[in-house]
Amino acid sequence: MNKYGCTGTVTHMKTTVEIADSLLEAAKAEALARGVTLRALIEEGLERVIDPVTNKGPTFTLPDASVGGCGAQRWHKLSDDQRVEAMYAP
């Protein structure tokens, strides 16, 4: 560790990238609309492109549509003959 507290590990790097003016303006507007920095928006986009498998975005979860009761438990405990009988019983 040096006298400034740096251990030599670099976690961020500054770089210069040429981006079309229209794309940069759109990115700035999107960052402003999301309430994030331009840097955060660019990092998110790069992460999604570089590792699309783990960065799919929000996952979809089915809503719980279950109803009360015991469901089909009783039906599954019946033998095949009992099921046929139950299906055709008046």
PDB file of N, CA and C in Angstrom:
ATOM      1  N   MET A   1       0.858  -1.172   0.000  1.00  0.00           N
ATOM      2  CA  MET A   1       0.000   0.000   0.000  1.00  0.00           C
ATOM      3  C   MET A   1       0.902   1.233   0.000  1.00  0.00           C
ATOM      4  N   ASN A   2       0.572   2.194  -0.843  1.00  0.00           N
ATOM      5  CA  ASN A   2       1.372   3.406  -0.860  1.00  0.00           C
ATOM      6  C   ASN A   2       0.808   4.432   0.119  1.00  0.00           C
ATOM      7  N   LYS A   3       1.406   5.602   0.170  1.00  0.00           N
ATOM      8  CA  LYS A   3       1.005   6.600   1.166  1.00  0.00           C
ATOM      9  C   LYS A   3      -0.391   7.174   0.931  1.00  0.00           C
ATOM     10  N   TYR A   4      -0.982   6.924  -0.265  1.00  0.00           N
ATOM     11  CA  TYR A   4      -2.324   7.422  -0.568  1.00  0.00           C
ATOM     12  C   TYR A   4      -3.409   6.372  -0.329  1.00  0.00           C
ATOM     13  N   GLY A   5      -3.034   5.209   0.147  1.00  0.00           N
ATOM     14  CA  GLY A   5      -3.993   4.163   0.445  1.00  0.00           C
ATOM     15  C   GLY A   5      -4.315   3.267  -0.731  1.00  0.00           C
ATOM     16  N   CYS A   6      -3.601   3.379  -1.830  1.00  0.00           N
ATOM     17  CA  CYS A   6      -3.848   2.555  -3.011  1.00  0.00           C
ATOM     18  C   CYS A   6      -3.035   1.269  -2.908  1.00  0.00           C
ATOM     19  N   THR A   7      -3.676   0.152  -3.187  1.00  0.00           N
ATOM     20  CA  THR A   7      -2.980  -1.129  -3.128  1.00  0.00           C
ATOM     21  C   THR A   7      -2.486  -1.568  -4.493  1.00  0.00           C
ATOM     22  N   GLY A   8      -2.747  -0.780  -5.519  1.00  0.00           N
ATOM     23  CA  GLY A   8      -2.302  -1.136  -6.857  1.00  0.00           C
ATOM     24  C   GLY A   8      -3.371  -1.834  -7.678  1.00  0.00           C
ATOM     25  N   THR A   9      -4.498  -2.158  -7.084  1.00  0.00           N
ATOM     26  CA  THR A   9      -5.578  -2.813  -7.803  1.00  0.00           C
ATOM     27  C   THR A   9      -6.431  -1.756  -8.493  1.00  0.00           C
ATOM     28  N   VAL A  10      -6.613  -1.913  -9.781  1.00  0.00           N
ATOM     29  CA  VAL A  10      -7.411  -0.955 -10.551  1.00  0.00           C
ATOM     30  C   VAL A  10      -8.819  -1.514 -10.694  1.00  0.00           C
ATOM     31  N   THR A  11      -9.819  -0.759 -10.239  1.00  0.00           N
ATOM     32  CA  THR A  11     -11.205  -1.209 -10.359  1.00  0.00           C
ATOM     33  C   THR A  11     -11.953  -0.464 -11.451  1.00  0.00           C
ATOM     34  N   HIS A  12     -11.460   0.703 -11.829  1.00  0.00           N
ATOM     35  CA  HIS A  12     -12.090   1.482 -12.887  1.00  0.00           C
ATOM     36  C   HIS A  12     -11.007   2.043 -13.800  1.00  0.00           C
ATOM     37  N   MET A  13     -11.348   2.176 -15.047  1.00  0.00           N
ATOM     38  CA  MET A  13     -10.388   2.714 -16.003  1.00  0.00           C
ATOM     39  C   MET A  13     -11.089   3.763 -16.861  1.00  0.00           C
ATOM     40  N   LYS A  14     -10.455   4.887 -17.034  1.00  0.00           N
ATOM     41  CA  LYS A  14     -11.002   5.916 -17.917  1.00  0.00           C
ATOM     42  C   LYS A  14     -10.566   5.606 -19.335  1.00  0.00           C
ATOM     43  N   THR A  15     -11.476   5.840 -20.266  1.00  0.00           N
ATOM     44  CA  THR A  15     -11.162   5.620 -21.671  1.00  0.00           C
ATOM     45  C   THR A  15     -11.959   6.601 -22.517  1.00  0.00           C
ATOM     46  N   THR A  16     -11.572   6.733 -23.741  1.00  0.00           N
ATOM     47  CA  THR A  16     -12.279   7.596 -24.684  1.00  0.00           C
ATOM     48  C   THR A  16     -12.854   6.729 -25.791  1.00  0.00           C
ATOM     49  N   VAL A  17     -14.125   6.928 -26.071  1.00  0.00           N
ATOM     50  CA  VAL A  17     -14.806   6.167 -27.116  1.00  0.00           C
ATOM     51  C   VAL A  17     -15.536   7.157 -28.002  1.00  0.00           C
ATOM     52  N   GLU A  18     -15.412   6.970 -29.292  1.00  0.00           N
ATOM     53  CA  GLU A  18     -16.146   7.826 -30.223  1.00  0.00           C
ATOM     54  C   GLU A  18     -17.532   7.231 -30.445  1.00  0.00           C
ATOM     55  N   ILE A  19     -18.543   8.045 -30.185  1.00  0.00           N
ATOM     56  CA  ILE A  19     -19.935   7.618 -30.334  1.00  0.00           C
ATOM     57  C   ILE A  19     -20.632   8.643 -31.220  1.00  0.00           C
ATOM     58  N   ALA A  20     -21.497   8.180 -32.087  1.00  0.00           N
ATOM     59  CA  ALA A  20     -22.264   9.095 -32.940  1.00  0.00           C
ATOM     60  C   ALA A  20     -23.022  10.093 -32.062  1.00  0.00           C
ATOM     61  N   ASP A  21     -23.055  11.330 -32.483  1.00  0.00           N
ATOM     62  CA  ASP A  21     -23.702  12.388 -31.704  1.00  0.00           C
ATOM     63  C   ASP A  21     -25.149  12.050 -31.358  1.00  0.00           C
ATOM     64  N   SER A  22     -25.883  11.517 -32.332  1.00  0.00           N
ATOM     65  CA  SER A  22     -27.301  11.201 -32.088  1.00  0.00           C
ATOM     66  C   SER A  22     -27.446  10.098 -31.041  1.00  0.00           C
ATOM     67  N   LEU A  23     -26.545   9.118 -31.073  1.00  0.00           N
ATOM     68  CA  LEU A  23     -26.591   8.035 -30.079  1.00  0.00           C
ATOM     69  C   LEU A  23     -26.236   8.553 -28.696  1.00  0.00           C
ATOM     70  N   LEU A  24     -25.251   9.429 -28.624  1.00  0.00           N
ATOM     71  CA  LEU A  24     -24.852  10.006 -27.335  1.00  0.00           C
ATOM     72  C   LEU A  24     -25.989  10.835 -26.744  1.00  0.00           C
ATOM     73  N   GLU A  25     -26.651  11.631 -27.568  1.00  0.00           N
ATOM     74  CA  GLU A  25     -27.781  12.437 -27.080  1.00  0.00           C
ATOM     75  C   GLU A  25     -28.917  11.547 -26.591  1.00  0.00           C
ATOM     76  N   ALA A  26     -29.202  10.470 -27.331  1.00  0.00           N
ATOM     77  CA  ALA A  26     -30.250   9.538 -26.913  1.00  0.00           C
ATOM     78  C   ALA A  26     -29.867   8.859 -25.605  1.00  0.00           C
ATOM     79  N   ALA A  27     -28.602   8.498 -25.462  1.00  0.00           N
ATOM     80  CA  ALA A  27     -28.124   7.846 -24.232  1.00  0.00           C
ATOM     81  C   ALA A  27     -28.216   8.803 -23.047  1.00  0.00           C
ATOM     82  N   LYS A  28     -27.856  10.055 -23.257  1.00  0.00           N
ATOM     83  CA  LYS A  28     -27.958  11.053 -22.190  1.00  0.00           C
ATOM     84  C   LYS A  28     -29.410  11.232 -21.755  1.00  0.00           C
ATOM     85  N   ALA A  29     -30.312  11.284 -22.729  1.00  0.00           N
ATOM     86  CA  ALA A  29     -31.738  11.447 -22.417  1.00  0.00           C
ATOM     87  C   ALA A  29     -32.265  10.231 -21.658  1.00  0.00           C
ATOM     88  N   GLU A  30     -31.849   9.040 -22.069  1.00  0.00           N
ATOM     89  CA  GLU A  30     -32.281   7.819 -21.386  1.00  0.00           C
ATOM     90  C   GLU A  30     -31.748   7.769 -19.958  1.00  0.00           C
ATOM     91  N   ALA A  31     -30.496   8.146 -19.780  1.00  0.00           N
ATOM     92  CA  ALA A  31     -29.910   8.167 -18.436  1.00  0.00           C
ATOM     93  C   ALA A  31     -30.660   9.158 -17.543  1.00  0.00           C
ATOM     94  N   LEU A  32     -30.975  10.308 -18.086  1.00  0.00           N
ATOM     95  CA  LEU A  32     -31.720  11.315 -17.333  1.00  0.00           C
ATOM     96  C   LEU A  32     -33.110  10.789 -16.963  1.00  0.00           C
ATOM     97  N   ALA A  33     -33.780  10.147 -17.916  1.00  0.00           N
ATOM     98  CA  ALA A  33     -35.117   9.601 -17.655  1.00  0.00           C
ATOM     99  C   ALA A  33     -35.084   8.512 -16.583  1.00  0.00           C
ATOM    100  N   ARG A  34     -34.023   7.727 -16.560  1.00  0.00           N
ATOM    101  CA  ARG A  34     -33.896   6.660 -15.562  1.00  0.00           C
ATOM    102  C   ARG A  34     -33.347   7.154 -14.231  1.00  0.00           C
ATOM    103  N   GLY A  35     -32.806   8.354 -14.242  1.00  0.00           N
ATOM    104  CA  GLY A  35     -32.222   8.894 -13.015  1.00  0.00           C
ATOM    105  C   GLY A  35     -30.875   8.264 -12.684  1.00  0.00           C
ATOM    106  N   VAL A  36     -30.120   7.890 -13.726  1.00  0.00           N
ATOM    107  CA  VAL A  36     -28.805   7.297 -13.532  1.00  0.00           C
ATOM    108  C   VAL A  36     -27.777   8.110 -14.306  1.00  0.00           C
ATOM    109  N   THR A  37     -26.521   7.850 -14.042  1.00  0.00           N
ATOM    110  CA  THR A  37     -25.478   8.546 -14.779  1.00  0.00           C
ATOM    111  C   THR A  37     -25.301   7.914 -16.154  1.00  0.00           C
ATOM    112  N   LEU A  38     -24.712   8.672 -17.058  1.00  0.00           N
ATOM    113  CA  LEU A  38     -24.406   8.144 -18.382  1.00  0.00           C
ATOM    114  C   LEU A  38     -23.465   6.949 -18.252  1.00  0.00           C
ATOM    115  N   ARG A  39     -22.511   7.050 -17.349  1.00  0.00           N
ATOM    116  CA  ARG A  39     -21.581   5.947 -17.110  1.00  0.00           C
ATOM    117  C   ARG A  39     -22.323   4.672 -16.698  1.00  0.00           C
ATOM    118  N   ALA A  40     -23.273   4.800 -15.768  1.00  0.00           N
ATOM    119  CA  ALA A  40     -24.031   3.631 -15.302  1.00  0.00           C
ATOM    120  C   ALA A  40     -24.833   3.012 -16.446  1.00  0.00           C
ATOM    121  N   LEU A  41     -25.420   3.861 -17.288  1.00  0.00           N
ATOM    122  CA  LEU A  41     -26.193   3.368 -18.422  1.00  0.00           C
ATOM    123  C   LEU A  41     -25.304   2.607 -19.408  1.00  0.00           C
ATOM    124  N   ILE A  42     -24.142   3.160 -19.702  1.00  0.00           N
ATOM    125  CA  ILE A  42     -23.213   2.504 -20.623  1.00  0.00           C
ATOM    126  C   ILE A  42     -22.713   1.193 -20.040  1.00  0.00           C
ATOM    127  N   GLU A  43     -22.375   1.182 -18.736  1.00  0.00           N
ATOM    128  CA  GLU A  43     -21.904  -0.053 -18.098  1.00  0.00           C
ATOM    129  C   GLU A  43     -22.980  -1.133 -18.141  1.00  0.00           C
ATOM    130  N   GLU A  44     -24.235  -0.748 -17.881  1.00  0.00           N
ATOM    131  CA  GLU A  44     -25.334  -1.726 -17.924  1.00  0.00           C
ATOM    132  C   GLU A  44     -25.475  -2.324 -19.319  1.00  0.00           C
ATOM    133  N   GLY A  45     -25.390  -1.473 -20.333  1.00  0.00           N
ATOM    134  CA  GLY A  45     -25.496  -1.960 -21.708  1.00  0.00           C
ATOM    135  C   GLY A  45     -24.358  -2.897 -22.074  1.00  0.00           C
ATOM    136  N   LEU A  46     -23.155  -2.540 -21.685  1.00  0.00           N
ATOM    137  CA  LEU A  46     -22.009  -3.413 -21.971  1.00  0.00           C
ATOM    138  C   LEU A  46     -22.132  -4.746 -21.253  1.00  0.00           C
ATOM    139  N   GLU A  47     -22.574  -4.717 -19.993  1.00  0.00           N
ATOM    140  CA  GLU A  47     -22.745  -5.969 -19.247  1.00  0.00           C
ATOM    141  C   GLU A  47     -23.766  -6.879 -19.923  1.00  0.00           C
ATOM    142  N   ARG A  48     -24.841  -6.299 -20.426  1.00  0.00           N
ATOM    143  CA  ARG A  48     -25.867  -7.105 -21.100  1.00  0.00           C
ATOM    144  C   ARG A  48     -25.353  -7.732 -22.380  1.00  0.00           C
ATOM    145  N   VAL A  49     -24.507  -7.032 -23.096  1.00  0.00           N
ATOM    146  CA  VAL A  49     -23.964  -7.549 -24.351  1.00  0.00           C
ATOM    147  C   VAL A  49     -22.872  -8.584 -24.093  1.00  0.00           C
ATOM    148  N   ILE A  50     -22.013  -8.302 -23.128  1.00  0.00           N
ATOM    149  CA  ILE A  50     -20.881  -9.185 -22.856  1.00  0.00           C
ATOM    150  C   ILE A  50     -21.316 -10.482 -22.209  1.00  0.00           C
ATOM    151  N   ASP A  51     -22.285 -10.439 -21.300  1.00  0.00           N
ATOM    152  CA  ASP A  51     -22.725 -11.654 -20.609  1.00  0.00           C
ATOM    153  C   ASP A  51     -24.248 -11.742 -20.639  1.00  0.00           C
ATOM    154  N   PRO A  52     -24.828 -11.995 -21.816  1.00  0.00           N
ATOM    155  CA  PRO A  52     -26.287 -11.996 -21.923  1.00  0.00           C
ATOM    156  C   PRO A  52     -26.967 -13.125 -21.152  1.00  0.00           C
ATOM    157  N   VAL A  53     -26.265 -14.201 -20.850  1.00  0.00           N
ATOM    158  CA  VAL A  53     -26.882 -15.329 -20.142  1.00  0.00           C
ATOM    159  C   VAL A  53     -27.231 -14.948 -18.716  1.00  0.00           C
ATOM    160  N   THR A  54     -26.319 -14.282 -18.019  1.00  0.00           N
ATOM    161  CA  THR A  54     -26.586 -13.923 -16.626  1.00  0.00           C
ATOM    162  C   THR A  54     -27.237 -12.563 -16.481  1.00  0.00           C
ATOM    163  N   ASN A  55     -27.321 -11.792 -17.549  1.00  0.00           N
ATOM    164  CA  ASN A  55     -27.916 -10.458 -17.489  1.00  0.00           C
ATOM    165  C   ASN A  55     -29.138 -10.386 -18.387  1.00  0.00           C
ATOM    166  N   LYS A  56     -30.101 -11.241 -18.138  1.00  0.00           N
ATOM    167  CA  LYS A  56     -31.305 -11.288 -18.959  1.00  0.00           C
ATOM    168  C   LYS A  56     -32.278 -10.167 -18.623  1.00  0.00           C
ATOM    169  N   GLY A  57     -32.057  -9.492 -17.517  1.00  0.00           N
ATOM    170  CA  GLY A  57     -33.011  -8.485 -17.083  1.00  0.00           C
ATOM    171  C   GLY A  57     -33.992  -9.100 -16.109  1.00  0.00           C
ATOM    172  N   PRO A  58     -35.105  -8.442 -15.894  1.00  0.00           N
ATOM    173  CA  PRO A  58     -36.052  -8.948 -14.916  1.00  0.00           C
ATOM    174  C   PRO A  58     -36.628 -10.300 -15.333  1.00  0.00           C
ATOM    175  N   THR A  59     -36.800 -11.180 -14.377  1.00  0.00           N
ATOM    176  CA  THR A  59     -37.375 -12.490 -14.664  1.00  0.00           C
ATOM    177  C   THR A  59     -38.890 -12.428 -14.499  1.00  0.00           C
ATOM    178  N   PHE A  60     -39.578 -13.305 -15.184  1.00  0.00           N
ATOM    179  CA  PHE A  60     -41.031 -13.372 -15.108  1.00  0.00           C
ATOM    180  C   PHE A  60     -41.425 -14.426 -14.088  1.00  0.00           C
ATOM    181  N   THR A  61     -42.322 -14.082 -13.196  1.00  0.00           N
ATOM    182  CA  THR A  61     -42.827 -15.026 -12.213  1.00  0.00           C
ATOM    183  C   THR A  61     -44.336 -15.123 -12.390  1.00  0.00           C
ATOM    184  N   LEU A  62     -44.815 -16.335 -12.539  1.00  0.00           N
ATOM    185  CA  LEU A  62     -46.253 -16.529 -12.666  1.00  0.00           C
ATOM    186  C   LEU A  62     -46.948 -16.144 -11.372  1.00  0.00           C
ATOM    187  N   PRO A  63     -48.092 -15.494 -11.474  1.00  0.00           N
ATOM    188  CA  PRO A  63     -48.833 -15.184 -10.252  1.00  0.00           C
ATOM    189  C   PRO A  63     -49.413 -16.466  -9.668  1.00  0.00           C
ATOM    190  N   ASP A  64     -49.596 -16.471  -8.363  1.00  0.00           N
ATOM    191  CA  ASP A  64     -50.161 -17.642  -7.696  1.00  0.00           C
ATOM    192  C   ASP A  64     -51.647 -17.715  -8.038  1.00  0.00           C
ATOM    193  N   ALA A  65     -52.041 -18.722  -8.805  1.00  0.00           N
ATOM    194  CA  ALA A  65     -53.438 -18.886  -9.213  1.00  0.00           C
ATOM    195  C   ALA A  65     -54.060 -20.099  -8.546  1.00  0.00           C
ATOM    196  N   SER A  66     -53.455 -20.531  -7.450  1.00  0.00           N
ATOM    197  CA  SER A  66     -53.976 -21.720  -6.779  1.00  0.00           C
ATOM    198  C   SER A  66     -55.302 -21.397  -6.097  1.00  0.00           C
ATOM    199  N   VAL A  67     -56.094 -22.422  -5.937  1.00  0.00           N
ATOM    200  CA  VAL A  67     -57.363 -22.298  -5.237  1.00  0.00           C
ATOM    201  C   VAL A  67     -57.277 -23.140  -3.974  1.00  0.00           C
ATOM    202  N   GLY A  68     -58.164 -22.903  -3.076  1.00  0.00           N
ATOM    203  CA  GLY A  68     -58.136 -23.644  -1.815  1.00  0.00           C
ATOM    204  C   GLY A  68     -58.416 -25.130  -2.016  1.00  0.00           C
ATOM    205  N   GLY A  69     -58.334 -25.870  -0.975  1.00  0.00           N
ATOM    206  CA  GLY A  69     -58.627 -27.295  -1.038  1.00  0.00           C
ATOM    207  C   GLY A  69     -57.368 -28.127  -1.160  1.00  0.00           C
ATOM    208  N   CYS A  70     -57.578 -29.380  -1.418  1.00  0.00           N
ATOM    209  CA  CYS A  70     -56.460 -30.325  -1.480  1.00  0.00           C
ATOM    210  C   CYS A  70     -56.066 -30.654  -2.907  1.00  0.00           C
ATOM    211  N   GLY A  71     -56.662 -30.005  -3.864  1.00  0.00           N
ATOM    212  CA  GLY A  71     -56.285 -30.240  -5.247  1.00  0.00           C
ATOM    213  C   GLY A  71     -56.611 -31.656  -5.691  1.00  0.00           C
ATOM    214  N   ALA A  72     -55.710 -32.253  -6.455  1.00  0.00           N
ATOM    215  CA  ALA A  72     -55.943 -33.573  -7.036  1.00  0.00           C
ATOM    216  C   ALA A  72     -55.354 -34.688  -6.185  1.00  0.00           C
ATOM    217  N   GLN A  73     -55.047 -34.427  -4.942  1.00  0.00           N
ATOM    218  CA  GLN A  73     -54.413 -35.446  -4.106  1.00  0.00           C
ATOM    219  C   GLN A  73     -55.262 -36.717  -4.015  1.00  0.00           C
ATOM    220  N   ARG A  74     -56.555 -36.547  -3.796  1.00  0.00           N
ATOM    221  CA  ARG A  74     -57.418 -37.720  -3.667  1.00  0.00           C
ATOM    222  C   ARG A  74     -57.417 -38.525  -4.967  1.00  0.00           C
ATOM    223  N   TRP A  75     -57.478 -37.819  -6.104  1.00  0.00           N
ATOM    224  CA  TRP A  75     -57.523 -38.468  -7.407  1.00  0.00           C
ATOM    225  C   TRP A  75     -56.276 -39.314  -7.643  1.00  0.00           C
ATOM    226  N   HIS A  76     -55.132 -38.823  -7.249  1.00  0.00           N
ATOM    227  CA  HIS A  76     -53.880 -39.531  -7.479  1.00  0.00           C
ATOM    228  C   HIS A  76     -53.715 -40.749  -6.569  1.00  0.00           C
ATOM    229  N   LYS A  77     -54.452 -40.795  -5.493  1.00  0.00           N
ATOM    230  CA  LYS A  77     -54.366 -41.941  -4.584  1.00  0.00           C
ATOM    231  C   LYS A  77     -55.227 -43.108  -5.061  1.00  0.00           C
ATOM    232  N   LEU A  78     -56.119 -42.838  -6.028  1.00  0.00           N
ATOM    233  CA  LEU A  78     -57.000 -43.891  -6.527  1.00  0.00           C
ATOM    234  C   LEU A  78     -56.249 -44.819  -7.473  1.00  0.00           C
ATOM    235  N   SER A  79     -56.695 -46.049  -7.533  1.00  0.00           N
ATOM    236  CA  SER A  79     -56.137 -46.980  -8.512  1.00  0.00           C
ATOM    237  C   SER A  79     -56.709 -46.632  -9.886  1.00  0.00           C
ATOM    238  N   ASP A  80     -56.139 -47.203 -10.935  1.00  0.00           N
ATOM    239  CA  ASP A  80     -56.638 -46.940 -12.290  1.00  0.00           C
ATOM    240  C   ASP A  80     -58.102 -47.332 -12.418  1.00  0.00           C
ATOM    241  N   ASP A  81     -58.475 -48.483 -11.876  1.00  0.00           N
ATOM    242  CA  ASP A  81     -59.870 -48.930 -11.948  1.00  0.00           C
ATOM    243  C   ASP A  81     -60.799 -47.955 -11.240  1.00  0.00           C
ATOM    244  N   GLN A  82     -60.375 -47.466 -10.094  1.00  0.00           N
ATOM    245  CA  GLN A  82     -61.209 -46.525  -9.346  1.00  0.00           C
ATOM    246  C   GLN A  82     -61.359 -45.198 -10.111  1.00  0.00           C
ATOM    247  N   ARG A  83     -60.312 -44.779 -10.813  1.00  0.00           N
ATOM    248  CA  ARG A  83     -60.407 -43.549 -11.609  1.00  0.00           C
ATOM    249  C   ARG A  83     -61.401 -43.705 -12.751  1.00  0.00           C
ATOM    250  N   VAL A  84     -61.319 -44.837 -13.450  1.00  0.00           N
ATOM    251  CA  VAL A  84     -62.259 -45.084 -14.548  1.00  0.00           C
ATOM    252  C   VAL A  84     -63.679 -45.117 -14.014  1.00  0.00           C
ATOM    253  N   GLU A  85     -63.868 -45.785 -12.910  1.00  0.00           N
ATOM    254  CA  GLU A  85     -65.190 -45.853 -12.302  1.00  0.00           C
ATOM    255  C   GLU A  85     -65.703 -44.468 -11.924  1.00  0.00           C
ATOM    256  N   ALA A  86     -64.811 -43.625 -11.376  1.00  0.00           N
ATOM    257  CA  ALA A  86     -65.206 -42.280 -10.965  1.00  0.00           C
ATOM    258  C   ALA A  86     -65.538 -41.407 -12.169  1.00  0.00           C
ATOM    259  N   MET A  87     -64.856 -41.601 -13.293  1.00  0.00           N
ATOM    260  CA  MET A  87     -65.107 -40.793 -14.489  1.00  0.00           C
ATOM    261  C   MET A  87     -66.461 -41.114 -15.101  1.00  0.00           C
ATOM    262  N   TYR A  88     -66.890 -42.355 -15.030  1.00  0.00           N
ATOM    263  CA  TYR A  88     -68.123 -42.759 -15.681  1.00  0.00           C
ATOM    264  C   TYR A  88     -69.287 -42.926 -14.737  1.00  0.00           C
ATOM    265  N   ALA A  89     -69.085 -42.630 -13.479  1.00  0.00           N
ATOM    266  CA  ALA A  89     -70.176 -42.736 -12.499  1.00  0.00           C
ATOM    267  C   ALA A  89     -71.152 -41.593 -12.732  1.00  0.00           C
ATOM    268  N   PRO A  90     -72.452 -41.903 -12.598  1.00  0.00           N
ATOM    269  CA  PRO A  90     -73.464 -40.844 -12.812  1.00  0.00           C
ATOM    270  C   PRO A  90     -73.426 -39.779 -11.742  1.00  0.00           C
TER     271      PRO A  90
END
